C-alpha atoms as a PDB file:
ATOM      1  CA  MET A   1      -0.134  -0.184  -0.189  1.00  0.00           C
ATOM      2  CA  ARG A   2       1.243   3.590  -0.930  1.00  0.00           C
ATOM      3  CA  LYS A   3       1.284   6.142   1.677  1.00  0.00           C
ATOM      4  CA  ARG A   4       0.053   9.284   0.728  1.00  0.00           C
ATOM      5  CA  LEU A   5       1.507  12.610   1.921  1.00  0.00           C
ATOM      6  CA  LEU A   6      -1.768  14.590   1.835  1.00  0.00           C
ATOM      7  CA  CYS A   7      -5.084  14.528   3.858  1.00  0.00           C
ATOM      8  CA  ARG A   8      -7.957  12.450   2.124  1.00  0.00           C
ATOM      9  CA  ALA A   9      -9.708  15.652   0.961  1.00  0.00           C
ATOM     10  CA  CYS A  10      -6.520  17.334  -0.472  1.00  0.00           C
ATOM     11  CA  ASN A  11      -5.722  14.347  -2.085  1.00  0.00           C
ATOM     12  CA  GLU A  12      -8.894  13.882  -3.921  1.00  0.00           C
ATOM     13  CA  ARG A  13      -8.993  17.629  -4.842  1.00  0.00           C
ATOM     14  CA  TRP A  14      -5.564  16.922  -6.294  1.00  0.00           C
ATOM     15  CA  GLN A  15      -6.658  13.988  -8.169  1.00  0.00           C
ATOM     16  CA  ARG A  16      -9.569  15.779  -9.688  1.00  0.00           C
ATOM     17  CA  ALA A  17      -7.171  18.410 -10.812  1.00  0.00           C
ATOM     18  CA  GLY A  18      -5.128  16.204 -13.014  1.00  0.00           C
ATOM     19  CA  ARG A  19      -2.327  15.894 -10.302  1.00  0.00           C
ATOM     20  CA  PRO A  20      -0.672  19.109 -11.008  1.00  0.00           C
ATOM     21  CA  ASP A  21       2.983  19.855  -9.832  1.00  0.00           C
ATOM     22  CA  THR A  22       2.091  22.462  -7.766  1.00  0.00           C
ATOM     23  CA  GLY A  23      -0.292  20.184  -5.456  1.00  0.00           C
ATOM     24  CA  PRO A  24      -4.137  20.479  -4.975  1.00  0.00           C
ATOM     25  CA  PRO A  25      -5.864  23.611  -5.269  1.00  0.00           C
ATOM     26  CA  PRO A  26      -7.400  25.174  -2.371  1.00  0.00           C
ATOM     27  CA  PRO A  27     -10.898  23.933  -1.230  1.00  0.00           C
ATOM     28  CA  SER A  28     -14.153  25.703  -2.634  1.00  0.00           C
ATOM     29  CA  LYS A  29     -15.773  27.669  -0.078  1.00  0.00           C
ATOM     30  CA  GLY A  30     -18.002  25.467   2.165  1.00  0.00           C
ATOM     31  CA  GLY A  31     -15.922  22.404   1.585  1.00  0.00           C
ATOM     32  CA  ARG A  32     -17.448  19.306   0.012  1.00  0.00           C
ATOM     33  CA  PRO A  33     -21.038  18.114   0.175  1.00  0.00           C
ATOM     34  CA  ARG A  34     -21.668  15.900   3.315  1.00  0.00           C
ATOM     35  CA  ASP A  35     -22.466  12.124   2.478  1.00  0.00           C
ATOM     36  CA  ARG A  36     -25.991  11.054   2.382  1.00  0.00           C
ATOM     37  CA  ALA A  37     -25.819   9.179   5.634  1.00  0.00           C
ATOM     38  CA  THR A  38     -24.616  12.013   7.380  1.00  0.00           C
ATOM     39  CA  ASP A  39     -27.786  13.974   6.024  1.00  0.00           C
ATOM     40  CA  GLU A  40     -29.853  11.210   7.541  1.00  0.00           C
ATOM     41  CA  ARG A  41     -28.238  10.594  10.573  1.00  0.00           C
ATOM     42  CA  ALA A  42     -28.656  14.321  11.100  1.00  0.00           C
ATOM     43  CA  ALA A  43     -32.400  14.192  10.073  1.00  0.00           C
ATOM     44  CA  GLU A  44     -32.770  11.342  12.522  1.00  0.00           C
ATOM     45  CA  THR A  45     -31.273  12.986  15.378  1.00  0.00           C
ATOM     46  CA  LYS A  46     -33.112  16.154  14.632  1.00  0.00           C
ATOM     47  CA  GLN A  47     -36.540  14.128  14.874  1.00  0.00           C
ATOM     48  CA  ALA A  48     -35.288  12.154  17.933  1.00  0.00           C
ATOM     49  CA  LEU A  49     -34.848  15.631  19.845  1.00  0.00           C
ATOM     50  CA  ALA A  50     -38.161  16.898  18.603  1.00  0.00           C
ATOM     51  CA  ASP A  51     -39.724  13.841  19.587  1.00  0.00           C
ATOM     52  CA  GLY A  52     -37.865  13.492  22.841  1.00  0.00           C
ATOM     53  CA  THR A  53     -36.995   9.677  22.148  1.00  0.00           C
ATOM     54  CA  ALA A  54     -33.592  10.056  22.890  1.00  0.00           C
ATOM     55  CA  THR A  55     -31.733  12.091  25.647  1.00  0.00           C
ATOM     56  CA  LEU A  56     -28.849  14.338  24.965  1.00  0.00           C
ATOM     57  CA  THR A  57     -26.530  12.033  26.788  1.00  0.00           C
ATOM     58  CA  GLU A  58     -27.505   9.121  24.228  1.00  0.00           C
ATOM     59  CA  LEU A  59     -27.131  11.342  21.227  1.00  0.00           C
ATOM     60  CA  ALA A  60     -23.293  12.564  22.695  1.00  0.00           C
ATOM     61  CA  GLU A  61     -22.669   8.823  22.922  1.00  0.00           C
ATOM     62  CA  ARG A  62     -23.894   8.025  19.472  1.00  0.00           C
ATOM     63  CA  PHE A  63     -21.943  10.888  17.875  1.00  0.00           C
ATOM     64  CA  GLY A  64     -18.798  10.599  20.196  1.00  0.00           C
ATOM     65  CA  VAL A  65     -19.073  14.165  21.420  1.00  0.00           C
ATOM     66  CA  THR A  66     -19.527  15.672  24.583  1.00  0.00           C
ATOM     67  CA  HIS A  67     -22.942  16.497  26.172  1.00  0.00           C
ATOM     68  CA  GLN A  68     -22.359  20.382  25.965  1.00  0.00           C
ATOM     69  CA  THR A  69     -21.690  19.813  22.086  1.00  0.00           C
ATOM     70  CA  VAL A  70     -25.057  18.277  21.694  1.00  0.00           C
ATOM     71  CA  MET A  71     -26.575  21.166  23.934  1.00  0.00           C
ATOM     72  CA  TYR A  72     -24.907  23.642  21.675  1.00  0.00           C
ATOM     73  CA  TYR A  73     -26.248  22.298  18.358  1.00  0.00           C
ATOM     74  CA  ARG A  74     -29.741  21.524  19.926  1.00  0.00           C
ATOM     75  CA  ASP A  75     -29.714  25.508  20.680  1.00  0.00           C
ATOM     76  CA  ARG A  76     -28.619  26.156  17.241  1.00  0.00           C
ATOM     77  CA  ALA A  77     -31.566  24.194  15.617  1.00  0.00           C
ATOM     78  CA  GLU A  78     -33.971  25.691  17.741  1.00  0.00           C
ATOM     79  CA  GLU A  79     -32.760  29.197  16.592  1.00  0.00           C
ATOM     80  CA  GLU A  80     -33.306  28.062  13.085  1.00  0.00           C
END
């Protein structure tokens, strides 16, 4: 297996650009689109929060983040 010198996102941009000697082009504003599974998981989480079927602690464990991080995003979702 060959070792890459770039992170996955940079390597993909470099490959799409035709592997220029100057390296990968800068990322476009906003980065690359999220994976469909991420969008589905975000929708399920939003629904679980709305229904009250999952606790903040359960959601934190599911995503591997802290309880405070879940509270931050819950508050942001409520503002929208």
